[in-house]
C-alpha atoms as a PDB file:
ATOM      1  CA  MET A   1     -70.746  54.154 -12.920  1.00  0.00           C
ATOM      2  CA  THR A   2     -72.089  51.376 -10.717  1.00  0.00           C
ATOM      3  CA  ARG A   3     -75.569  52.005  -9.388  1.00  0.00           C
ATOM      4  CA  VAL A   4     -77.030  50.136  -6.436  1.00  0.00           C
ATOM      5  CA  GLN A   5     -80.670  50.235  -5.400  1.00  0.00           C
ATOM      6  CA  ILE A   6     -81.592  48.894  -1.972  1.00  0.00           C
ATOM      7  CA  PHE A   7     -85.218  48.341  -1.031  1.00  0.00           C
ATOM      8  CA  ARG A   8     -86.505  48.195   2.545  1.00  0.00           C
ATOM      9  CA  THR A   9     -89.806  48.545   4.366  1.00  0.00           C
ATOM     10  CA  ARG A  10     -90.827  51.440   6.594  1.00  0.00           C
ATOM     11  CA  ASP A  11     -89.904  49.377   9.651  1.00  0.00           C
ATOM     12  CA  GLY A  12     -86.362  48.821   8.330  1.00  0.00           C
ATOM     13  CA  GLN A  13     -86.559  45.268   6.950  1.00  0.00           C
ATOM     14  CA  TYR A  14     -84.544  44.927   3.760  1.00  0.00           C
ATOM     15  CA  ARG A  15     -86.341  43.272   0.839  1.00  0.00           C
ATOM     16  CA  SER A  16     -83.952  43.352  -2.114  1.00  0.00           C
ATOM     17  CA  PHE A  17     -81.029  45.057  -3.778  1.00  0.00           C
ATOM     18  CA  THR A  18     -79.643  45.422  -7.279  1.00  0.00           C
ATOM     19  CA  CYS A  19     -76.145  46.283  -8.464  1.00  0.00           C
ATOM     20  CA  LYS A  20     -75.728  47.373 -12.083  1.00  0.00           C
ATOM     21  CA  GLY A  21     -72.996  48.790 -14.266  1.00  0.00           C
ATOM     22  CA  HIS A  22     -69.239  49.178 -14.126  1.00  0.00           C
ATOM     23  CA  THR A  23     -67.458  51.837 -12.113  1.00  0.00           C
ATOM     24  CA  GLU A  24     -65.135  52.660 -15.028  1.00  0.00           C
ATOM     25  CA  TYR A  25     -62.413  53.688 -12.601  1.00  0.00           C
ATOM     26  CA  THR A  26     -59.851  52.127 -14.946  1.00  0.00           C
ATOM     27  CA  ALA A  27     -59.637  49.439 -17.629  1.00  0.00           C
ATOM     28  CA  GLU A  28     -61.901  46.409 -17.256  1.00  0.00           C
ATOM     29  CA  GLY A  29     -59.997  43.599 -15.591  1.00  0.00           C
ATOM     30  CA  ALA A  30     -57.846  46.024 -13.603  1.00  0.00           C
ATOM     31  CA  ASP A  31     -60.632  48.096 -12.040  1.00  0.00           C
ATOM     32  CA  ILE A  32     -60.051  47.901  -8.288  1.00  0.00           C
ATOM     33  CA  VAL A  33     -63.142  49.956  -7.483  1.00  0.00           C
ATOM     34  CA  CYS A  34     -65.396  47.647  -9.490  1.00  0.00           C
ATOM     35  CA  ALA A  35     -63.722  44.627  -7.893  1.00  0.00           C
ATOM     36  CA  GLY A  36     -64.285  46.113  -4.433  1.00  0.00           C
ATOM     37  CA  VAL A  37     -67.976  46.754  -5.069  1.00  0.00           C
ATOM     38  CA  SER A  38     -68.416  43.258  -6.504  1.00  0.00           C
ATOM     39  CA  ALA A  39     -66.641  41.649  -3.562  1.00  0.00           C
ATOM     40  CA  ILE A  40     -68.829  43.503  -1.053  1.00  0.00           C
ATOM     41  CA  VAL A  41     -72.068  42.585  -2.852  1.00  0.00           C
ATOM     42  CA  ILE A  42     -71.155  38.929  -3.441  1.00  0.00           C
ATOM     43  CA  ASN A  43     -69.868  38.515   0.117  1.00  0.00           C
ATOM     44  CA  THR A  44     -73.125  39.935   1.485  1.00  0.00           C
ATOM     45  CA  ILE A  45     -75.181  37.488  -0.591  1.00  0.00           C
ATOM     46  CA  ASN A  46     -72.943  34.572   0.412  1.00  0.00           C
ATOM     47  CA  CYS A  47     -73.193  35.462   4.116  1.00  0.00           C
ATOM     48  CA  LEU A  48     -76.982  35.838   3.952  1.00  0.00           C
ATOM     49  CA  ASP A  49     -77.111  32.373   2.395  1.00  0.00           C
ATOM     50  CA  ASP A  50     -74.286  30.419   4.056  1.00  0.00           C
ATOM     51  CA  LEU A  51     -74.388  31.871   7.571  1.00  0.00           C
ATOM     52  CA  LEU A  52     -78.030  32.871   8.054  1.00  0.00           C
ATOM     53  CA  HIS A  53     -79.742  30.517   5.577  1.00  0.00           C
ATOM     54  CA  ILE A  54     -82.072  33.266   4.406  1.00  0.00           C
ATOM     55  CA  LYS A  55     -84.228  32.237   1.460  1.00  0.00           C
ATOM     56  CA  MET A  56     -83.575  34.457  -1.530  1.00  0.00           C
ATOM     57  CA  ASP A  57     -83.671  34.588  -5.293  1.00  0.00           C
ATOM     58  CA  VAL A  58     -80.386  35.780  -6.809  1.00  0.00           C
ATOM     59  CA  ASP A  59     -79.879  36.601 -10.473  1.00  0.00           C
ATOM     60  CA  PHE A  60     -76.393  37.166 -11.867  1.00  0.00           C
ATOM     61  CA  ASP A  61     -76.561  38.478 -15.437  1.00  0.00           C
ATOM     62  CA  GLU A  62     -73.074  37.795 -16.782  1.00  0.00           C
ATOM     63  CA  GLU A  63     -74.085  38.672 -20.357  1.00  0.00           C
ATOM     64  CA  ASN A  64     -74.942  42.245 -19.353  1.00  0.00           C
ATOM     65  CA  GLY A  65     -71.791  43.053 -17.423  1.00  0.00           C
ATOM     66  CA  GLY A  66     -72.394  41.101 -14.247  1.00  0.00           C
ATOM     67  CA  ASP A  67     -75.509  42.852 -12.964  1.00  0.00           C
ATOM     68  CA  ILE A  68     -76.760  41.273  -9.730  1.00  0.00           C
ATOM     69  CA  THR A  69     -80.257  41.221  -8.273  1.00  0.00           C
ATOM     70  CA  CYS A  70     -80.983  39.747  -4.844  1.00  0.00           C
ATOM     71  CA  ASN A  71     -84.598  39.358  -3.710  1.00  0.00           C
ATOM     72  CA  LEU A  72     -85.040  38.246  -0.106  1.00  0.00           C
ATOM     73  CA  LEU A  73     -87.916  35.787   0.133  1.00  0.00           C
ATOM     74  CA  GLU A  74     -88.240  36.144   3.904  1.00  0.00           C
ATOM     75  CA  ASP A  75     -87.527  38.773   6.547  1.00  0.00           C
ATOM     76  CA  PRO A  76     -83.769  38.944   7.021  1.00  0.00           C
ATOM     77  CA  GLY A  77     -84.115  39.603  10.738  1.00  0.00           C
ATOM     78  CA  GLU A  78     -81.685  41.593  12.833  1.00  0.00           C
ATOM     79  CA  LYS A  79     -78.581  39.731  11.648  1.00  0.00           C
ATOM     80  CA  GLY A  80     -79.546  39.900   7.974  1.00  0.00           C
ATOM     81  CA  ASN A  81     -80.276  43.599   8.259  1.00  0.00           C
ATOM     82  CA  LEU A  82     -76.868  44.075   9.897  1.00  0.00           C
ATOM     83  CA  LEU A  83     -75.140  42.322   6.988  1.00  0.00           C
ATOM     84  CA  ILE A  84     -76.854  44.641   4.505  1.00  0.00           C
ATOM     85  CA  ASP A  85     -76.000  47.629   6.689  1.00  0.00           C
ATOM     86  CA  CYS A  86     -72.368  46.448   6.493  1.00  0.00           C
ATOM     87  CA  MET A  87     -72.639  46.301   2.693  1.00  0.00           C
ATOM     88  CA  ILE A  88     -73.848  49.913   2.684  1.00  0.00           C
ATOM     89  CA  HIS A  89     -71.027  50.892   5.038  1.00  0.00           C
ATOM     90  CA  GLY A  90     -68.549  49.341   2.576  1.00  0.00           C
ATOM     91  CA  PHE A  91     -70.079  51.406  -0.224  1.00  0.00           C
ATOM     92  CA  ASP A  92     -69.653  54.546   1.880  1.00  0.00           C
ATOM     93  CA  TRP A  93     -65.947  53.760   2.332  1.00  0.00           C
ATOM     94  CA  ILE A  94     -65.468  53.220  -1.401  1.00  0.00           C
ATOM     95  CA  ILE A  95     -67.211  56.533  -2.161  1.00  0.00           C
ATOM     96  CA  CYS A  96     -65.094  58.269   0.494  1.00  0.00           C
ATOM     97  CA  GLN A  97     -61.845  56.866  -0.928  1.00  0.00           C
ATOM     98  CA  TYR A  98     -62.528  57.130  -4.678  1.00  0.00           C
ATOM     99  CA  GLY A  99     -65.266  59.746  -5.040  1.00  0.00           C
ATOM    100  CA  GLU A 100     -68.911  59.810  -6.046  1.00  0.00           C
ATOM    101  CA  GLY A 101     -68.190  59.454  -9.757  1.00  0.00           C
ATOM    102  CA  TYR A 102     -67.837  55.676  -9.657  1.00  0.00           C
ATOM    103  CA  LEU A 103     -70.494  54.358  -7.286  1.00  0.00           C
ATOM    104  CA  ARG A 104     -73.909  55.589  -6.242  1.00  0.00           C
ATOM    105  CA  TYR A 105     -76.503  53.892  -4.117  1.00  0.00           C
ATOM    106  CA  VAL A 106     -80.017  54.741  -3.073  1.00  0.00           C
ATOM    107  CA  ILE A 107     -82.250  53.225  -0.411  1.00  0.00           C
ATOM    108  CA  LYS A 108     -85.916  53.133  -1.400  1.00  0.00           C
ATOM    109  CA  GLU A 109     -88.901  52.476   0.817  1.00  0.00           C
ATOM    110  CA  VAL A 110     -91.279  49.707  -0.278  1.00  0.00           C
ATOM    111  CA  ASP A 111     -94.495  48.186   1.038  1.00  0.00           C
ATOM    112  CA  GLN A 112     -94.410  45.531   3.724  1.00  0.00           C
ATOM    113  CA  CYS A 113     -95.254  42.664   1.320  1.00  0.00           C
END
């Protein structure tokens, strides 16, 4: 199962997110659910960087199955928050189409810092 943790402040500013594990929908290399999750996460990071130029620290751990951590180093603003909301919306569609056994996400509240 792929597990995503999303961290945001009380006032709704996203701070970071992590994506870990494989969905195990089918064999590695042919797993369309895992590919969909990966595409959504990577596209979100690329848009935050390329379109909005938001400073962030991204770690892609290829040795441990492609786990991704994205720490935003500045407030993402309204547009950055919208991109992350779109990522979450994509996760909801995947869960709706393929079930809760392959992808789970949680949004956690963190301090303003």
